Amino acid sequence: MINVTQANNTNVSGYIGLIAQWHHDRNLIDGATNQSQFMKLISEAGELANNLAKGKDCRDDIGDMMVVLINIAEREGYTINECLQQAWNDIKDRKGKMVNGTFVKNTDADYEQLTSA
């Protein structure tokens, strides 16, 4: 069971452990599916989009999405560190340009067309 005092005095890796245990304590690892968790993630993304559009504080929305992602990682046997390391390795040398507020990778099929303006 989660100690509330511990949760108030922790760092990112500590929160990840607490959240993973929270999922286990509520049977959200064995009792849920990746599909149901993905649907939850999209639901939380909708809340984030809504609050961003309205200029509202979105820390809770970002946190909620991270909670769901921790669930999926835990279910798959991945660590968040592994996931972030892989993502970093994928993007660290990526090149491209900003087009209308969106980063377009130089490897995208329509890169030349989008960036020739």
PDB file of N, CA and C in Angstrom:
ATOM      1  N   MET A   1       0.842  -1.187   0.000  1.00  0.00           N
ATOM      2  CA  MET A   1       0.000   0.000   0.000  1.00  0.00           C
ATOM      3  C   MET A   1       0.884   1.246   0.000  1.00  0.00           C
ATOM      4  N   ILE A   2       0.397   2.298  -0.588  1.00  0.00           N
ATOM      5  CA  ILE A   2       1.168   3.525  -0.774  1.00  0.00           C
ATOM      6  C   ILE A   2       1.114   4.384   0.479  1.00  0.00           C
ATOM      7  N   ASN A   3       2.286   4.881   0.886  1.00  0.00           N
ATOM      8  CA  ASN A   3       2.424   5.770   2.024  1.00  0.00           C
ATOM      9  C   ASN A   3       2.307   7.210   1.518  1.00  0.00           C
ATOM     10  N   VAL A   4       1.296   7.947   1.973  1.00  0.00           N
ATOM     11  CA  VAL A   4       1.032   9.303   1.486  1.00  0.00           C
ATOM     12  C   VAL A   4       2.194  10.234   1.793  1.00  0.00           C
ATOM     13  N   THR A   5       2.814  10.111   2.969  1.00  0.00           N
ATOM     14  CA  THR A   5       3.962  10.951   3.318  1.00  0.00           C
ATOM     15  C   THR A   5       5.097  10.708   2.348  1.00  0.00           C
ATOM     16  N   GLN A   6       5.325   9.445   1.994  1.00  0.00           N
ATOM     17  CA  GLN A   6       6.360   9.100   1.035  1.00  0.00           C
ATOM     18  C   GLN A   6       6.072   9.755  -0.317  1.00  0.00           C
ATOM     19  N   ALA A   7       4.835   9.738  -0.738  1.00  0.00           N
ATOM     20  CA  ALA A   7       4.453  10.316  -2.030  1.00  0.00           C
ATOM     21  C   ALA A   7       4.694  11.817  -2.065  1.00  0.00           C
ATOM     22  N   ASN A   8       4.580  12.492  -0.933  1.00  0.00           N
ATOM     23  CA  ASN A   8       4.763  13.938  -0.885  1.00  0.00           C
ATOM     24  C   ASN A   8       6.230  14.345  -0.910  1.00  0.00           C
ATOM     25  N   ASN A   9       7.147  13.392  -0.695  1.00  0.00           N
ATOM     26  CA  ASN A   9       8.577  13.693  -0.621  1.00  0.00           C
ATOM     27  C   ASN A   9       9.363  12.793  -1.567  1.00  0.00           C
ATOM     28  N   THR A  10       8.998  12.790  -2.829  1.00  0.00           N
ATOM     29  CA  THR A  10       9.640  11.865  -3.756  1.00  0.00           C
ATOM     30  C   THR A  10      10.060  12.563  -5.038  1.00  0.00           C
ATOM     31  N   ASN A  11      10.788  11.835  -5.884  1.00  0.00           N
ATOM     32  CA  ASN A  11      11.235  12.354  -7.177  1.00  0.00           C
ATOM     33  C   ASN A  11      10.570  11.558  -8.289  1.00  0.00           C
ATOM     34  N   VAL A  12      10.954  11.817  -9.526  1.00  0.00           N
ATOM     35  CA  VAL A  12      10.287  11.182 -10.665  1.00  0.00           C
ATOM     36  C   VAL A  12      10.359   9.666 -10.581  1.00  0.00           C
ATOM     37  N   SER A  13      11.546   9.121 -10.366  1.00  0.00           N
ATOM     38  CA  SER A  13      11.649   7.656 -10.313  1.00  0.00           C
ATOM     39  C   SER A  13      10.860   7.098  -9.139  1.00  0.00           C
ATOM     40  N   GLY A  14      10.790   7.821  -8.051  1.00  0.00           N
ATOM     41  CA  GLY A  14       9.979   7.391  -6.915  1.00  0.00           C
ATOM     42  C   GLY A  14       8.496   7.378  -7.257  1.00  0.00           C
ATOM     43  N   TYR A  15       8.044   8.422  -7.956  1.00  0.00           N
ATOM     44  CA  TYR A  15       6.639   8.465  -8.387  1.00  0.00           C
ATOM     45  C   TYR A  15       6.313   7.327  -9.339  1.00  0.00           C
ATOM     46  N   ILE A  16       7.233   7.014 -10.235  1.00  0.00           N
ATOM     47  CA  ILE A  16       7.004   5.910 -11.167  1.00  0.00           C
ATOM     48  C   ILE A  16       6.768   4.621 -10.391  1.00  0.00           C
ATOM     49  N   GLY A  17       7.592   4.371  -9.381  1.00  0.00           N
ATOM     50  CA  GLY A  17       7.411   3.179  -8.549  1.00  0.00           C
ATOM     51  C   GLY A  17       6.089   3.190  -7.797  1.00  0.00           C
ATOM     52  N   LEU A  18       5.737   4.334  -7.236  1.00  0.00           N
ATOM     53  CA  LEU A  18       4.468   4.455  -6.516  1.00  0.00           C
ATOM     54  C   LEU A  18       3.282   4.230  -7.449  1.00  0.00           C
ATOM     55  N   ILE A  19       3.358   4.799  -8.640  1.00  0.00           N
ATOM     56  CA  ILE A  19       2.262   4.666  -9.601  1.00  0.00           C
ATOM     57  C   ILE A  19       2.154   3.227 -10.088  1.00  0.00           C
ATOM     58  N   ALA A  20       3.286   2.595 -10.360  1.00  0.00           N
ATOM     59  CA  ALA A  20       3.265   1.189 -10.781  1.00  0.00           C
ATOM     60  C   ALA A  20       2.632   0.326  -9.694  1.00  0.00           C
ATOM     61  N   GLN A  21       3.000   0.573  -8.442  1.00  0.00           N
ATOM     62  CA  GLN A  21       2.407  -0.191  -7.344  1.00  0.00           C
ATOM     63  C   GLN A  21       0.913   0.094  -7.216  1.00  0.00           C
ATOM     64  N   TRP A  22       0.514   1.329  -7.417  1.00  0.00           N
ATOM     65  CA  TRP A  22      -0.894   1.712  -7.394  1.00  0.00           C
ATOM     66  C   TRP A  22      -1.668   0.896  -8.420  1.00  0.00           C
ATOM     67  N   HIS A  23      -1.097   0.751  -9.615  1.00  0.00           N
ATOM     68  CA  HIS A  23      -1.731  -0.061 -10.666  1.00  0.00           C
ATOM     69  C   HIS A  23      -1.885  -1.519 -10.216  1.00  0.00           C
ATOM     70  N   HIS A  24      -0.830  -2.060  -9.638  1.00  0.00           N
ATOM     71  CA  HIS A  24      -0.888  -3.451  -9.164  1.00  0.00           C
ATOM     72  C   HIS A  24      -1.926  -3.603  -8.052  1.00  0.00           C
ATOM     73  N   ASP A  25      -1.943  -2.658  -7.119  1.00  0.00           N
ATOM     74  CA  ASP A  25      -2.872  -2.719  -5.981  1.00  0.00           C
ATOM     75  C   ASP A  25      -4.332  -2.699  -6.426  1.00  0.00           C
ATOM     76  N   ARG A  26      -4.598  -2.123  -7.577  1.00  0.00           N
ATOM     77  CA  ARG A  26      -5.976  -2.001  -8.073  1.00  0.00           C
ATOM     78  C   ARG A  26      -6.275  -2.952  -9.231  1.00  0.00           C
ATOM     79  N   ASN A  27      -5.409  -3.945  -9.422  1.00  0.00           N
ATOM     80  CA  ASN A  27      -5.572  -4.966 -10.453  1.00  0.00           C
ATOM     81  C   ASN A  27      -5.644  -4.360 -11.861  1.00  0.00           C
ATOM     82  N   LEU A  28      -4.940  -3.247 -12.063  1.00  0.00           N
ATOM     83  CA  LEU A  28      -4.941  -2.597 -13.370  1.00  0.00           C
ATOM     84  C   LEU A  28      -3.847  -3.141 -14.292  1.00  0.00           C
ATOM     85  N   ILE A  29      -3.022  -4.042 -13.790  1.00  0.00           N
ATOM     86  CA  ILE A  29      -2.017  -4.682 -14.638  1.00  0.00           C
ATOM     87  C   ILE A  29      -2.598  -5.970 -15.200  1.00  0.00           C
ATOM     88  N   ASP A  30      -2.998  -6.872 -14.325  1.00  0.00           N
ATOM     89  CA  ASP A  30      -3.560  -8.150 -14.773  1.00  0.00           C
ATOM     90  C   ASP A  30      -5.015  -8.026 -15.203  1.00  0.00           C
ATOM     91  N   GLY A  31      -5.735  -7.065 -14.650  1.00  0.00           N
ATOM     92  CA  GLY A  31      -7.166  -6.961 -14.916  1.00  0.00           C
ATOM     93  C   GLY A  31      -7.546  -6.068 -16.077  1.00  0.00           C
ATOM     94  N   ALA A  32      -6.586  -5.332 -16.621  1.00  0.00           N
ATOM     95  CA  ALA A  32      -6.865  -4.439 -17.753  1.00  0.00           C
ATOM     96  C   ALA A  32      -6.202  -5.008 -19.005  1.00  0.00           C
ATOM     97  N   THR A  33      -6.440  -4.369 -20.118  1.00  0.00           N
ATOM     98  CA  THR A  33      -5.790  -4.756 -21.374  1.00  0.00           C
ATOM     99  C   THR A  33      -5.061  -3.550 -21.940  1.00  0.00           C
ATOM    100  N   ASN A  34      -4.124  -3.799 -22.829  1.00  0.00           N
ATOM    101  CA  ASN A  34      -3.449  -2.685 -23.498  1.00  0.00           C
ATOM    102  C   ASN A  34      -4.446  -1.839 -24.276  1.00  0.00           C
ATOM    103  N   GLN A  35      -5.435  -2.498 -24.864  1.00  0.00           N
ATOM    104  CA  GLN A  35      -6.443  -1.763 -25.618  1.00  0.00           C
ATOM    105  C   GLN A  35      -7.234  -0.825 -24.713  1.00  0.00           C
ATOM    106  N   SER A  36      -7.648  -1.315 -23.536  1.00  0.00           N
ATOM    107  CA  SER A  36      -8.414  -0.457 -22.627  1.00  0.00           C
ATOM    108  C   SER A  36      -7.556   0.690 -22.107  1.00  0.00           C
ATOM    109  N   GLN A  37      -6.272   0.414 -21.878  1.00  0.00           N
ATOM    110  CA  GLN A  37      -5.386   1.470 -21.395  1.00  0.00           C
ATOM    111  C   GLN A  37      -5.093   2.481 -22.496  1.00  0.00           C
ATOM    112  N   PHE A  38      -5.001   2.019 -23.746  1.00  0.00           N
ATOM    113  CA  PHE A  38      -4.817   2.950 -24.851  1.00  0.00           C
ATOM    114  C   PHE A  38      -6.030   3.868 -24.981  1.00  0.00           C
ATOM    115  N   MET A  39      -7.212   3.312 -24.843  1.00  0.00           N
ATOM    116  CA  MET A  39      -8.427   4.134 -24.902  1.00  0.00           C
ATOM    117  C   MET A  39      -8.431   5.166 -23.768  1.00  0.00           C
ATOM    118  N   LYS A  40      -7.966   4.770 -22.593  1.00  0.00           N
ATOM    119  CA  LYS A  40      -7.860   5.699 -21.464  1.00  0.00           C
ATOM    120  C   LYS A  40      -6.854   6.805 -21.796  1.00  0.00           C
ATOM    121  N   LEU A  41      -5.747   6.432 -22.423  1.00  0.00           N
ATOM    122  CA  LEU A  41      -4.738   7.416 -22.806  1.00  0.00           C
ATOM    123  C   LEU A  41      -5.313   8.446 -23.773  1.00  0.00           C
ATOM    124  N   ILE A  42      -6.073   7.985 -24.746  1.00  0.00           N
ATOM    125  CA  ILE A  42      -6.682   8.903 -25.715  1.00  0.00           C
ATOM    126  C   ILE A  42      -7.701   9.808 -25.027  1.00  0.00           C
ATOM    127  N   SER A  43      -8.447   9.263 -24.078  1.00  0.00           N
ATOM    128  CA  SER A  43      -9.391  10.065 -23.300  1.00  0.00           C
ATOM    129  C   SER A  43      -8.659  11.180 -22.553  1.00  0.00           C
ATOM    130  N   GLU A  44      -7.544  10.805 -21.926  1.00  0.00           N
ATOM    131  CA  GLU A  44      -6.753  11.809 -21.195  1.00  0.00           C
ATOM    132  C   GLU A  44      -6.150  12.830 -22.159  1.00  0.00           C
ATOM    133  N   ALA A  45      -5.769  12.389 -23.374  1.00  0.00           N
ATOM    134  CA  ALA A  45      -5.241  13.317 -24.375  1.00  0.00           C
ATOM    135  C   ALA A  45      -6.310  14.328 -24.776  1.00  0.00           C
ATOM    136  N   GLY A  46      -7.549  13.882 -24.841  1.00  0.00           N
ATOM    137  CA  GLY A  46      -8.650  14.798 -25.142  1.00  0.00           C
ATOM    138  C   GLY A  46      -8.795  15.863 -24.069  1.00  0.00           C
ATOM    139  N   GLU A  47      -8.662  15.469 -22.811  1.00  0.00           N
ATOM    140  CA  GLU A  47      -8.731  16.443 -21.712  1.00  0.00           C
ATOM    141  C   GLU A  47      -7.575  17.434 -21.810  1.00  0.00           C
ATOM    142  N   LEU A  48      -6.387  16.931 -22.155  1.00  0.00           N
ATOM    143  CA  LEU A  48      -5.233  17.812 -22.328  1.00  0.00           C
ATOM    144  C   LEU A  48      -5.486  18.805 -23.460  1.00  0.00           C
ATOM    145  N   ALA A  49      -5.966  18.317 -24.584  1.00  0.00           N
ATOM    146  CA  ALA A  49      -6.251  19.188 -25.731  1.00  0.00           C
ATOM    147  C   ALA A  49      -7.257  20.264 -25.352  1.00  0.00           C
ATOM    148  N   ASN A  50      -8.293  19.891 -24.637  1.00  0.00           N
ATOM    149  CA  ASN A  50      -9.327  20.832 -24.217  1.00  0.00           C
ATOM    150  C   ASN A  50      -8.742  21.933 -23.338  1.00  0.00           C
ATOM    151  N   ASN A  51      -7.925  21.539 -22.360  1.00  0.00           N
ATOM    152  CA  ASN A  51      -7.353  22.534 -21.456  1.00  0.00           C
ATOM    153  C   ASN A  51      -6.301  23.398 -22.137  1.00  0.00           C
ATOM    154  N   LEU A  52      -5.531  22.820 -23.056  1.00  0.00           N
ATOM    155  CA  LEU A  52      -4.579  23.637 -23.817  1.00  0.00           C
ATOM    156  C   LEU A  52      -5.320  24.667 -24.659  1.00  0.00           C
ATOM    157  N   ALA A  53      -6.387  24.233 -25.308  1.00  0.00           N
ATOM    158  CA  ALA A  53      -7.174  25.140 -26.152  1.00  0.00           C
ATOM    159  C   ALA A  53      -7.762  26.286 -25.348  1.00  0.00           C
ATOM    160  N   LYS A  54      -8.089  26.025 -24.086  1.00  0.00           N
ATOM    161  CA  LYS A  54      -8.699  27.045 -23.233  1.00  0.00           C
ATOM    162  C   LYS A  54      -7.672  27.824 -22.420  1.00  0.00           C
ATOM    163  N   GLY A  55      -6.388  27.492 -22.583  1.00  0.00           N
ATOM    164  CA  GLY A  55      -5.340  28.185 -21.846  1.00  0.00           C
ATOM    165  C   GLY A  55      -5.325  27.855 -20.364  1.00  0.00           C
ATOM    166  N   LYS A  56      -5.881  26.704 -20.004  1.00  0.00           N
ATOM    167  CA  LYS A  56      -5.944  26.301 -18.595  1.00  0.00           C
ATOM    168  C   LYS A  56      -4.702  25.514 -18.191  1.00  0.00           C
ATOM    169  N   ASP A  57      -4.485  25.409 -16.892  1.00  0.00           N
ATOM    170  CA  ASP A  57      -3.399  24.602 -16.334  1.00  0.00           C
ATOM    171  C   ASP A  57      -3.598  23.151 -16.762  1.00  0.00           C
ATOM    172  N   CYS A  58      -2.590  22.555 -17.309  1.00  0.00           N
ATOM    173  CA  CYS A  58      -2.727  21.188 -17.819  1.00  0.00           C
ATOM    174  C   CYS A  58      -1.780  20.208 -17.142  1.00  0.00           C
ATOM    175  N   ARG A  59      -1.227  20.569 -15.990  1.00  0.00           N
ATOM    176  CA  ARG A  59      -0.319  19.661 -15.283  1.00  0.00           C
ATOM    177  C   ARG A  59      -0.990  18.347 -14.924  1.00  0.00           C
ATOM    178  N   ASP A  60      -2.236  18.399 -14.472  1.00  0.00           N
ATOM    179  CA  ASP A  60      -2.953  17.177 -14.124  1.00  0.00           C
ATOM    180  C   ASP A  60      -3.165  16.297 -15.353  1.00  0.00           C
ATOM    181  N   ASP A  61      -3.468  16.914 -16.486  1.00  0.00           N
ATOM    182  CA  ASP A  61      -3.698  16.162 -17.720  1.00  0.00           C
ATOM    183  C   ASP A  61      -2.421  15.454 -18.166  1.00  0.00           C
ATOM    184  N   ILE A  62      -1.296  16.168 -18.121  1.00  0.00           N
ATOM    185  CA  ILE A  62      -0.008  15.565 -18.474  1.00  0.00           C
ATOM    186  C   ILE A  62       0.302  14.422 -17.509  1.00  0.00           C
ATOM    187  N   GLY A  63       0.094  14.664 -16.224  1.00  0.00           N
ATOM    188  CA  GLY A  63       0.327  13.619 -15.223  1.00  0.00           C
ATOM    189  C   GLY A  63      -0.562  12.408 -15.436  1.00  0.00           C
ATOM    190  N   ASP A  64      -1.839  12.646 -15.747  1.00  0.00           N
ATOM    191  CA  ASP A  64      -2.764  11.532 -15.989  1.00  0.00           C
ATOM    192  C   ASP A  64      -2.307  10.688 -17.175  1.00  0.00           C
ATOM    193  N   MET A  65      -1.815  11.347 -18.222  1.00  0.00           N
ATOM    194  CA  MET A  65      -1.325  10.602 -19.374  1.00  0.00           C
ATOM    195  C   MET A  65      -0.095   9.784 -19.004  1.00  0.00           C
ATOM    196  N   MET A  66       0.760  10.358 -18.184  1.00  0.00           N
ATOM    197  CA  MET A  66       1.947   9.620 -17.744  1.00  0.00           C
ATOM    198  C   MET A  66       1.563   8.416 -16.888  1.00  0.00           C
ATOM    199  N   VAL A  67       0.537   8.569 -16.063  1.00  0.00           N
ATOM    200  CA  VAL A  67       0.056   7.444 -15.248  1.00  0.00           C
ATOM    201  C   VAL A  67      -0.370   6.285 -16.152  1.00  0.00           C
ATOM    202  N   VAL A  68      -1.094   6.590 -17.207  1.00  0.00           N
ATOM    203  CA  VAL A  68      -1.544   5.537 -18.130  1.00  0.00           C
ATOM    204  C   VAL A  68      -0.352   4.938 -18.865  1.00  0.00           C
ATOM    205  N   LEU A  69       0.595   5.757 -19.288  1.00  0.00           N
ATOM    206  CA  LEU A  69       1.777   5.241 -19.970  1.00  0.00           C
ATOM    207  C   LEU A  69       2.607   4.348 -19.057  1.00  0.00           C
ATOM    208  N   ILE A  70       2.677   4.686 -17.776  1.00  0.00           N
ATOM    209  CA  ILE A  70       3.369   3.829 -16.812  1.00  0.00           C
ATOM    210  C   ILE A  70       2.669   2.481 -16.725  1.00  0.00           C
ATOM    211  N   ASN A  71       1.336   2.482 -16.760  1.00  0.00           N
ATOM    212  CA  ASN A  71       0.581   1.232 -16.743  1.00  0.00           C
ATOM    213  C   ASN A  71       0.945   0.371 -17.944  1.00  0.00           C
ATOM    214  N   ILE A  72       0.939   0.967 -19.123  1.00  0.00           N
ATOM    215  CA  ILE A  72       1.240   0.209 -20.335  1.00  0.00           C
ATOM    216  C   ILE A  72       2.669  -0.326 -20.288  1.00  0.00           C
ATOM    217  N   ALA A  73       3.606   0.496 -19.875  1.00  0.00           N
ATOM    218  CA  ALA A  73       5.000   0.050 -19.767  1.00  0.00           C
ATOM    219  C   ALA A  73       5.119  -1.103 -18.778  1.00  0.00           C
ATOM    220  N   GLU A  74       4.477  -0.983 -17.644  1.00  0.00           N
ATOM    221  CA  GLU A  74       4.505  -2.028 -16.609  1.00  0.00           C
ATOM    222  C   GLU A  74       3.910  -3.325 -17.150  1.00  0.00           C
ATOM    223  N   ARG A  75       2.820  -3.219 -17.874  1.00  0.00           N
ATOM    224  CA  ARG A  75       2.174  -4.405 -18.448  1.00  0.00           C
ATOM    225  C   ARG A  75       3.085  -5.098 -19.461  1.00  0.00           C
ATOM    226  N   GLU A  76       3.880  -4.304 -20.180  1.00  0.00           N
ATOM    227  CA  GLU A  76       4.762  -4.842 -21.214  1.00  0.00           C
ATOM    228  C   GLU A  76       6.132  -5.265 -20.677  1.00  0.00           C
ATOM    229  N   GLY A  77       6.382  -4.954 -19.401  1.00  0.00           N
ATOM    230  CA  GLY A  77       7.673  -5.304 -18.805  1.00  0.00           C
ATOM    231  C   GLY A  77       8.787  -4.328 -19.154  1.00  0.00           C
ATOM    232  N   TYR A  78       8.418  -3.109 -19.540  1.00  0.00           N
ATOM    233  CA  TYR A  78       9.392  -2.070 -19.867  1.00  0.00           C
ATOM    234  C   TYR A  78       9.546  -1.143 -18.673  1.00  0.00           C
ATOM    235  N   THR A  79      10.691  -0.482 -18.594  1.00  0.00           N
ATOM    236  CA  THR A  79      10.832   0.610 -17.638  1.00  0.00           C
ATOM    237  C   THR A  79      10.641   1.919 -18.402  1.00  0.00           C
ATOM    238  N   ILE A  80      10.229   2.936 -17.692  1.00  0.00           N
ATOM    239  CA  ILE A  80      10.082   4.258 -18.315  1.00  0.00           C
ATOM    240  C   ILE A  80      11.445   4.736 -18.795  1.00  0.00           C
ATOM    241  N   ASN A  81      12.481   4.429 -18.045  1.00  0.00           N
ATOM    242  CA  ASN A  81      13.826   4.808 -18.452  1.00  0.00           C
ATOM    243  C   ASN A  81      14.189   4.180 -19.797  1.00  0.00           C
ATOM    244  N   GLU A  82      13.876   2.896 -19.980  1.00  0.00           N
ATOM    245  CA  GLU A  82      14.134   2.238 -21.266  1.00  0.00           C
ATOM    246  C   GLU A  82      13.371   2.922 -22.398  1.00  0.00           C
ATOM    247  N   CYS A  83      12.128   3.246 -22.135  1.00  0.00           N
ATOM    248  CA  CYS A  83      11.301   3.897 -23.150  1.00  0.00           C
ATOM    249  C   CYS A  83      11.854   5.266 -23.517  1.00  0.00           C
ATOM    250  N   LEU A  84      12.245   6.040 -22.513  1.00  0.00           N
ATOM    251  CA  LEU A  84      12.800   7.365 -22.771  1.00  0.00           C
ATOM    252  C   LEU A  84      14.155   7.269 -23.465  1.00  0.00           C
ATOM    253  N   GLN A  85      14.963   6.288 -23.068  1.00  0.00           N
ATOM    254  CA  GLN A  85      16.262   6.105 -23.709  1.00  0.00           C
ATOM    255  C   GLN A  85      16.086   5.767 -25.186  1.00  0.00           C
ATOM    256  N   GLN A  86      15.151   4.883 -25.492  1.00  0.00           N
ATOM    257  CA  GLN A  86      14.905   4.531 -26.890  1.00  0.00           C
ATOM    258  C   GLN A  86      14.394   5.733 -27.675  1.00  0.00           C
ATOM    259  N   ALA A  87      13.477   6.493 -27.075  1.00  0.00           N
ATOM    260  CA  ALA A  87      12.956   7.687 -27.743  1.00  0.00           C
ATOM    261  C   ALA A  87      14.086   8.698 -27.984  1.00  0.00           C
ATOM    262  N   TRP A  88      14.934   8.898 -26.974  1.00  0.00           N
ATOM    263  CA  TRP A  88      16.050   9.834 -27.133  1.00  0.00           C
ATOM    264  C   TRP A  88      16.977   9.387 -28.256  1.00  0.00           C
ATOM    265  N   ASN A  89      17.285   8.094 -28.281  1.00  0.00           N
ATOM    266  CA  ASN A  89      18.158   7.581 -29.337  1.00  0.00           C
ATOM    267  C   ASN A  89      17.531   7.778 -30.716  1.00  0.00           C
ATOM    268  N   ASP A  90      16.214   7.718 -30.796  1.00  0.00           N
ATOM    269  CA  ASP A  90      15.517   7.928 -32.066  1.00  0.00           C
ATOM    270  C   ASP A  90      15.552   9.384 -32.515  1.00  0.00           C
ATOM    271  N   ILE A  91      15.510  10.334 -31.573  1.00  0.00           N
ATOM    272  CA  ILE A  91      15.385  11.750 -31.952  1.00  0.00           C
ATOM    273  C   ILE A  91      16.666  12.553 -31.866  1.00  0.00           C
ATOM    274  N   LYS A  92      17.671  12.087 -31.142  1.00  0.00           N
ATOM    275  CA  LYS A  92      18.827  12.938 -30.829  1.00  0.00           C
ATOM    276  C   LYS A  92      19.540  13.494 -32.053  1.00  0.00           C
ATOM    277  N   ASP A  93      19.567  12.761 -33.143  1.00  0.00           N
ATOM    278  CA  ASP A  93      20.251  13.230 -34.344  1.00  0.00           C
ATOM    279  C   ASP A  93      19.278  13.612 -35.454  1.00  0.00           C
ATOM    280  N   ARG A  94      18.006  13.686 -35.129  1.00  0.00           N
ATOM    281  CA  ARG A  94      16.972  13.974 -36.121  1.00  0.00           C
ATOM    282  C   ARG A  94      17.131  15.408 -36.633  1.00  0.00           C
ATOM    283  N   LYS A  95      16.963  15.565 -37.930  1.00  0.00           N
ATOM    284  CA  LYS A  95      17.044  16.874 -38.561  1.00  0.00           C
ATOM    285  C   LYS A  95      15.709  17.167 -39.238  1.00  0.00           C
ATOM    286  N   GLY A  96      15.425  18.433 -39.398  1.00  0.00           N
ATOM    287  CA  GLY A  96      14.191  18.846 -40.040  1.00  0.00           C
ATOM    288  C   GLY A  96      13.979  20.338 -39.862  1.00  0.00           C
ATOM    289  N   LYS A  97      12.764  20.772 -40.157  1.00  0.00           N
ATOM    290  CA  LYS A  97      12.413  22.189 -40.057  1.00  0.00           C
ATOM    291  C   LYS A  97      11.025  22.334 -39.455  1.00  0.00           C
ATOM    292  N   MET A  98      10.801  23.502 -38.859  1.00  0.00           N
ATOM    293  CA  MET A  98       9.477  23.849 -38.375  1.00  0.00           C
ATOM    294  C   MET A  98       8.663  24.397 -39.541  1.00  0.00           C
ATOM    295  N   VAL A  99       7.462  23.865 -39.718  1.00  0.00           N
ATOM    296  CA  VAL A  99       6.543  24.331 -40.752  1.00  0.00           C
ATOM    297  C   VAL A  99       5.197  24.562 -40.083  1.00  0.00           C
ATOM    298  N   ASN A 100       4.781  25.818 -40.014  1.00  0.00           N
ATOM    299  CA  ASN A 100       3.505  26.183 -39.388  1.00  0.00           C
ATOM    300  C   ASN A 100       3.356  25.599 -37.983  1.00  0.00           C
ATOM    301  N   GLY A 101       4.437  25.647 -37.211  1.00  0.00           N
ATOM    302  CA  GLY A 101       4.397  25.195 -35.830  1.00  0.00           C
ATOM    303  C   GLY A 101       4.565  23.699 -35.642  1.00  0.00           C
ATOM    304  N   THR A 102       4.851  22.968 -36.714  1.00  0.00           N
ATOM    305  CA  THR A 102       5.034  21.521 -36.630  1.00  0.00           C
ATOM    306  C   THR A 102       6.419  21.167 -37.155  1.00  0.00           C
ATOM    307  N   PHE A 103       7.139  20.308 -36.406  1.00  0.00           N
ATOM    308  CA  PHE A 103       8.452  19.850 -36.846  1.00  0.00           C
ATOM    309  C   PHE A 103       8.271  18.791 -37.922  1.00  0.00           C
ATOM    310  N   VAL A 104       8.861  19.020 -39.079  1.00  0.00           N
ATOM    311  CA  VAL A 104       8.804  18.070 -40.194  1.00  0.00           C
ATOM    312  C   VAL A 104      10.197  17.474 -40.347  1.00  0.00           C
ATOM    313  N   LYS A 105      10.288  16.150 -40.200  1.00  0.00           N
ATOM    314  CA  LYS A 105      11.574  15.459 -40.324  1.00  0.00           C
ATOM    315  C   LYS A 105      12.056  15.512 -41.765  1.00  0.00           C
ATOM    316  N   ASN A 106      13.371  15.653 -41.930  1.00  0.00           N
ATOM    317  CA  ASN A 106      13.924  15.693 -43.280  1.00  0.00           C
ATOM    318  C   ASN A 106      13.803  14.346 -43.988  1.00  0.00           C
ATOM    319  N   THR A 107      13.407  13.315 -43.290  1.00  0.00           N
ATOM    320  CA  THR A 107      13.205  11.996 -43.897  1.00  0.00           C
ATOM    321  C   THR A 107      11.747  11.772 -44.306  1.00  0.00           C
ATOM    322  N   ASP A 108      10.839  12.700 -43.962  1.00  0.00           N
ATOM    323  CA  ASP A 108       9.442  12.568 -44.366  1.00  0.00           C
ATOM    324  C   ASP A 108       9.342  12.648 -45.888  1.00  0.00           C
ATOM    325  N   ALA A 109       8.459  11.858 -46.461  1.00  0.00           N
ATOM    326  CA  ALA A 109       8.305  11.796 -47.911  1.00  0.00           C
ATOM    327  C   ALA A 109       7.969  13.155 -48.513  1.00  0.00           C
ATOM    328  N   ASP A 110       7.216  13.963 -47.794  1.00  0.00           N
ATOM    329  CA  ASP A 110       6.808  15.271 -48.335  1.00  0.00           C
ATOM    330  C   ASP A 110       7.627  16.432 -47.768  1.00  0.00           C
ATOM    331  N   TYR A 111       8.806  16.152 -47.255  1.00  0.00           N
ATOM    332  CA  TYR A 111       9.666  17.179 -46.648  1.00  0.00           C
ATOM    333  C   TYR A 111       9.973  18.316 -47.611  1.00  0.00           C
ATOM    334  N   GLU A 112      10.439  17.985 -48.808  1.00  0.00           N
ATOM    335  CA  GLU A 112      10.813  19.021 -49.784  1.00  0.00           C
ATOM    336  C   GLU A 112       9.621  19.897 -50.144  1.00  0.00           C
ATOM    337  N   GLN A 113       8.482  19.272 -50.362  1.00  0.00           N
ATOM    338  CA  GLN A 113       7.287  20.026 -50.732  1.00  0.00           C
ATOM    339  C   GLN A 113       6.865  20.959 -49.588  1.00  0.00           C
ATOM    340  N   LEU A 114       6.917  20.465 -48.371  1.00  0.00           N
ATOM    341  CA  LEU A 114       6.462  21.260 -47.221  1.00  0.00           C
ATOM    342  C   LEU A 114       7.443  22.374 -46.846  1.00  0.00           C
ATOM    343  N   THR A 115       8.708  22.187 -47.130  1.00  0.00           N
ATOM    344  CA  THR A 115       9.708  23.152 -46.663  1.00  0.00           C
ATOM    345  C   THR A 115      10.247  24.040 -47.770  1.00  0.00           C
ATOM    346  N   SER A 116       9.722  23.944 -48.974  1.00  0.00           N
ATOM    347  CA  SER A 116      10.254  24.727 -50.104  1.00  0.00           C
ATOM    348  C   SER A 116       9.661  26.135 -50.187  1.00  0.00           C
ATOM    349  N   ALA A 117       8.755  26.465 -49.322  1.00  0.00           N
ATOM    350  CA  ALA A 117       8.092  27.771 -49.404  1.00  0.00           C
ATOM    351  C   ALA A 117       8.968  28.894 -48.931  1.00  0.00           C
TER     352      ALA A 117
END
